[in-house]
Protein backbone atom coordinates (compact mmCIF):
# COMPACT_ATOMS: atom_id res chain seq x y z
CA MET A 1 -0.17 0.10 0.07
CA ASN A 2 1.54 3.37 -0.95
CA ASP A 3 1.87 5.45 2.11
CA THR A 4 2.68 9.03 0.75
CA LEU A 5 0.97 12.09 1.11
CA GLY A 6 1.24 15.04 -1.46
CA LEU A 7 0.76 18.45 -0.47
CA ASP A 8 0.97 21.82 -2.35
CA TRP A 9 2.53 24.51 -0.36
CA ASP A 10 0.69 27.85 -1.21
CA GLY A 11 -3.05 27.58 -0.33
CA VAL A 12 -2.64 24.34 1.67
CA ILE A 13 0.26 24.27 4.00
CA SER A 14 0.65 28.06 4.09
CA HIS A 15 -3.03 28.51 5.20
CA PHE A 16 -3.59 25.22 7.13
CA PRO A 17 -0.09 24.39 8.84
CA GLN A 18 -1.55 22.97 12.10
CA GLU A 19 -4.09 20.84 10.40
CA ILE A 20 -1.61 19.51 7.77
CA ARG A 21 1.08 18.81 10.47
CA LEU A 22 -1.43 16.70 12.10
CA LEU A 23 -2.57 14.96 8.78
CA ALA A 24 1.04 14.55 7.79
CA GLY A 25 1.59 12.56 11.04
CA LYS A 26 -0.38 9.72 9.74
CA PHE A 27 1.67 9.19 6.40
CA SER A 28 5.09 7.58 6.51
CA THR A 29 6.37 10.00 3.56
CA ILE A 30 5.42 13.48 2.81
CA VAL A 31 6.18 15.12 -0.68
CA ILE A 32 5.56 18.74 -1.22
CA ILE A 33 4.66 19.19 -5.04
CA THR A 34 4.63 22.96 -5.51
CA LEU A 35 5.20 25.88 -7.93
CA ASN A 36 6.48 28.11 -5.19
CA LYS A 37 10.68 28.18 -6.07
CA SER A 38 11.16 29.22 -2.48
CA ILE A 39 10.27 26.32 -0.39
CA THR A 40 13.14 24.25 0.90
CA PRO A 41 12.91 20.94 2.54
CA GLN A 42 14.63 22.78 5.80
CA GLN A 43 11.63 25.65 5.85
CA ALA A 44 8.98 22.70 5.11
CA HIS A 45 10.77 20.77 8.15
CA GLU A 46 10.10 23.77 10.53
CA ILE A 47 6.41 23.77 9.77
CA LEU A 48 5.70 20.14 9.40
CA GLY A 49 7.84 19.04 12.34
CA ARG A 50 9.49 15.98 10.15
CA GLU A 51 11.59 15.31 6.99
CA VAL A 52 9.90 15.75 3.78
CA LEU A 53 10.61 15.63 -0.04
CA VAL A 54 10.36 18.81 -2.10
CA GLU A 55 9.57 18.94 -5.94
CA ILE A 56 9.32 22.25 -7.30
CA CYS A 57 7.69 22.85 -10.83
CA PRO A 58 10.31 23.58 -13.70
CA ASP A 59 9.84 26.82 -15.64
CA LYS A 60 9.04 25.00 -18.61
CA GLU A 61 6.16 22.85 -17.13
CA ARG A 62 4.60 26.00 -15.50
CA ASN A 63 1.99 26.51 -18.21
CA ASN A 64 0.93 22.98 -17.74
CA HIS A 65 1.49 22.61 -14.00
CA GLY A 66 -1.47 20.55 -13.25
CA LEU A 67 -0.29 17.72 -15.36
CA TRP A 68 3.25 18.36 -14.12
CA LYS A 69 1.96 17.88 -10.27
CA ALA A 70 -0.13 14.75 -11.29
CA LYS A 71 2.74 13.11 -12.96
CA THR A 72 4.94 13.89 -9.88
CA CYS A 73 2.35 12.18 -7.76
CA LEU A 74 2.51 9.13 -9.86
CA ARG A 75 6.42 9.17 -9.59
CA HIS A 76 6.33 9.22 -5.90
CA ASN A 77 3.67 6.84 -5.54
CA VAL A 78 1.32 9.47 -3.78
CA ALA A 79 -2.05 8.02 -1.98
CA LEU A 80 -3.54 11.32 -1.64
CA MET A 81 -2.62 14.83 -3.13
CA ILE A 82 -4.01 17.80 -1.36
CA ASP A 83 -4.06 21.27 -3.53
CA ASP A 84 -6.02 24.46 -3.90
CA ASP A 85 -6.01 24.59 -7.66
CA SER A 86 -8.91 22.52 -9.51
CA PHE A 87 -6.55 22.02 -12.42
CA VAL A 88 -4.31 20.02 -10.59
CA ILE A 89 -7.34 18.13 -8.74
CA VAL A 90 -8.53 17.27 -12.34
CA GLU A 91 -5.29 16.16 -13.66
CA CYS A 92 -4.49 14.03 -10.64
CA ARG A 93 -8.03 12.38 -11.07
CA SER A 94 -7.49 11.92 -14.50
CA LEU A 95 -4.23 9.68 -13.66
CA GLY A 96 -6.03 7.69 -11.11
CA VAL A 97 -4.26 9.58 -8.19
CA PRO A 98 -6.81 10.68 -5.53
CA ALA A 99 -6.93 14.28 -4.99
CA LEU A 100 -8.56 16.66 -2.27
CA ALA A 101 -9.28 20.36 -2.84
CA VAL A 102 -8.99 22.96 -0.28
CA ASN A 103 -10.40 26.20 -0.48
CA ALA A 104 -7.94 28.65 0.86
CA MET A 105 -9.69 31.78 -0.67
CA PHE A 106 -12.94 30.95 1.49
CA PHE A 107 -11.06 30.52 4.60
CA GLN A 108 -9.17 33.78 3.87
CA THR A 109 -12.45 35.55 3.76
CA MET A 110 -14.03 34.08 6.62
CA LEU A 111 -11.09 35.02 8.91
CA TYR A 112 -11.33 38.77 7.22
CA GLU A 113 -14.95 38.92 8.58
CA PHE A 114 -14.73 37.85 11.77
């Protein structure tokens, strides 16, 4: 059984660090699959409290980042990918990778109103 969690950074870990840290503890391997060029394994370790792999989308793949993320999930045998981008969710599911969408914009709106 694959026991790897795939996570986007912006809109997922950035907005829900405590919740994602809790969830990540249930998986043996974590891979961050992101467009954010500034993320380092050390920074991710500080937030998630454990060692992680970091995959950053190459510039040549940015126009088709959803497919790149889905293929990266396949390469890492990801059991579940969590992202805030619907294109990523669609591409992952089209390749048979279970994917869950979070709505960071809704969350930001709610925090702003309260």
